[in-house]
């Protein structure tokens, strides 16, 4: 594990950059992670996906996979790839402060 400073807050991340404790997530941390991975600034569309991911993970106990996000968030698959290029399920989870979803390489 590595400690990284995002938006003035030190958080621990695993070797793939996912927060090890999602309780340390804040919207400011999300913005800093998004900038780090080349996405940003975050738009209302990004926040719709991030909010869905966090709420769904709280209800289901695991982060949602890409199909679940596209089916239930109101953001279609094409737009998910536009918003979170090069792995939208994985990037959305990381920016949302959640563990890597199962099924993501």
Protein backbone atom coordinates (compact mmCIF):
# COMPACT_ATOMS: atom_id res chain seq x y z
CA UNK A 1 0.00 0.00 0.00
CA UNK A 2 1.04 3.53 -0.74
CA UNK A 3 -0.04 6.83 0.81
CA UNK A 4 -0.96 9.53 -1.70
CA UNK A 5 -2.05 13.10 -1.14
CA UNK A 6 -5.21 13.99 -3.05
CA UNK A 7 -6.66 17.47 -2.59
CA UNK A 8 -4.83 17.95 0.71
CA UNK A 9 -5.96 14.60 2.13
CA UNK A 10 -3.60 11.68 2.53
CA UNK A 11 -5.21 8.36 1.57
CA UNK A 12 -3.88 4.85 1.16
CA UNK A 13 -4.17 3.17 -2.21
CA UNK A 14 -3.37 -0.32 -3.43
CA UNK A 15 -0.92 -1.13 -6.22
CA UNK A 16 -3.58 -0.30 -8.87
CA UNK A 17 -4.44 3.09 -7.34
CA UNK A 18 -7.75 2.13 -5.72
CA UNK A 19 -8.47 3.59 -2.27
CA UNK A 20 -8.04 0.92 0.40
CA UNK A 21 -10.68 2.60 2.59
CA UNK A 22 -13.64 4.10 0.73
CA UNK A 23 -14.57 6.10 3.83
CA UNK A 24 -11.61 8.38 3.03
CA UNK A 25 -13.23 9.37 -0.25
CA UNK A 26 -14.48 12.92 -0.76
CA UNK A 27 -15.65 14.76 -3.88
CA UNK A 28 -12.33 16.62 -3.81
CA UNK A 29 -10.41 13.32 -3.75
CA UNK A 30 -12.54 12.18 -6.71
CA UNK A 31 -11.59 15.30 -8.65
CA UNK A 32 -7.90 14.80 -7.92
CA UNK A 33 -8.01 11.13 -8.97
CA UNK A 34 -9.86 12.11 -12.16
CA UNK A 35 -7.18 14.65 -13.01
CA UNK A 36 -4.46 12.09 -12.29
CA UNK A 37 -5.97 9.63 -14.78
CA UNK A 38 -6.56 12.32 -17.41
CA UNK A 39 -10.29 12.85 -16.91
CA UNK A 40 -11.49 16.20 -15.85
CA UNK A 41 -12.80 18.42 -14.82
CA UNK A 42 -15.66 16.21 -13.73
CA UNK A 43 -18.99 17.11 -15.34
CA UNK A 44 -22.55 16.52 -14.17
CA UNK A 45 -22.56 13.36 -16.32
CA UNK A 46 -19.46 12.07 -14.50
CA UNK A 47 -21.10 12.83 -11.15
CA UNK A 48 -24.25 10.97 -12.19
CA UNK A 49 -22.14 7.84 -12.71
CA UNK A 50 -20.01 8.40 -9.58
CA UNK A 51 -23.09 8.95 -7.39
CA UNK A 52 -24.75 5.85 -8.84
CA UNK A 53 -21.62 3.74 -8.21
CA UNK A 54 -21.31 4.87 -4.59
CA UNK A 55 -25.02 4.41 -3.83
CA UNK A 56 -25.21 1.04 -5.58
CA UNK A 57 -22.08 -0.23 -3.80
CA UNK A 58 -23.55 0.84 -0.44
CA UNK A 59 -26.76 -1.09 -1.19
CA UNK A 60 -25.24 -4.16 -2.87
CA UNK A 61 -22.04 -4.47 -0.85
CA UNK A 62 -19.82 -4.54 -3.94
CA UNK A 63 -19.01 -2.00 -6.63
CA UNK A 64 -21.19 -2.26 -9.74
CA UNK A 65 -19.78 -3.69 -12.93
CA UNK A 66 -19.96 -1.89 -16.25
CA UNK A 67 -23.17 -3.59 -17.41
CA UNK A 68 -24.95 -2.72 -14.17
CA UNK A 69 -23.80 0.89 -14.42
CA UNK A 70 -25.03 1.23 -18.00
CA UNK A 71 -28.30 -0.55 -17.29
CA UNK A 72 -29.27 1.29 -14.09
CA UNK A 73 -27.49 4.64 -13.98
CA UNK A 74 -29.23 6.24 -16.94
CA UNK A 75 -25.91 6.61 -18.79
CA UNK A 76 -25.58 4.34 -21.81
CA UNK A 77 -22.52 2.27 -22.67
CA UNK A 78 -21.33 4.59 -25.44
CA UNK A 79 -21.40 7.58 -23.08
CA UNK A 80 -19.64 5.60 -20.33
CA UNK A 81 -16.74 4.98 -22.72
CA UNK A 82 -16.72 8.67 -23.65
CA UNK A 83 -16.73 9.78 -20.00
CA UNK A 84 -14.31 7.15 -18.70
CA UNK A 85 -12.14 6.07 -21.65
CA UNK A 86 -9.93 3.00 -21.51
CA UNK A 87 -11.93 1.02 -18.96
CA UNK A 88 -15.05 2.81 -17.77
CA UNK A 89 -16.04 0.30 -15.07
CA UNK A 90 -12.61 0.32 -13.52
CA UNK A 91 -12.11 4.10 -13.82
CA UNK A 92 -15.58 4.91 -12.49
CA UNK A 93 -14.96 2.69 -9.46
CA UNK A 94 -11.53 4.17 -8.82
CA UNK A 95 -12.76 7.77 -9.02
CA UNK A 96 -15.74 6.79 -6.84
CA UNK A 97 -13.36 5.54 -4.14
CA UNK A 98 -14.51 1.94 -4.49
CA UNK A 99 -12.57 -1.30 -4.93
CA UNK A 100 -12.00 -2.62 -8.44
CA UNK A 101 -15.19 -4.33 -9.62
CA UNK A 102 -15.06 -8.07 -10.14
CA UNK A 103 -14.68 -8.94 -13.77
CA UNK A 104 -12.50 -5.92 -14.54
CA UNK A 105 -9.06 -6.84 -15.77
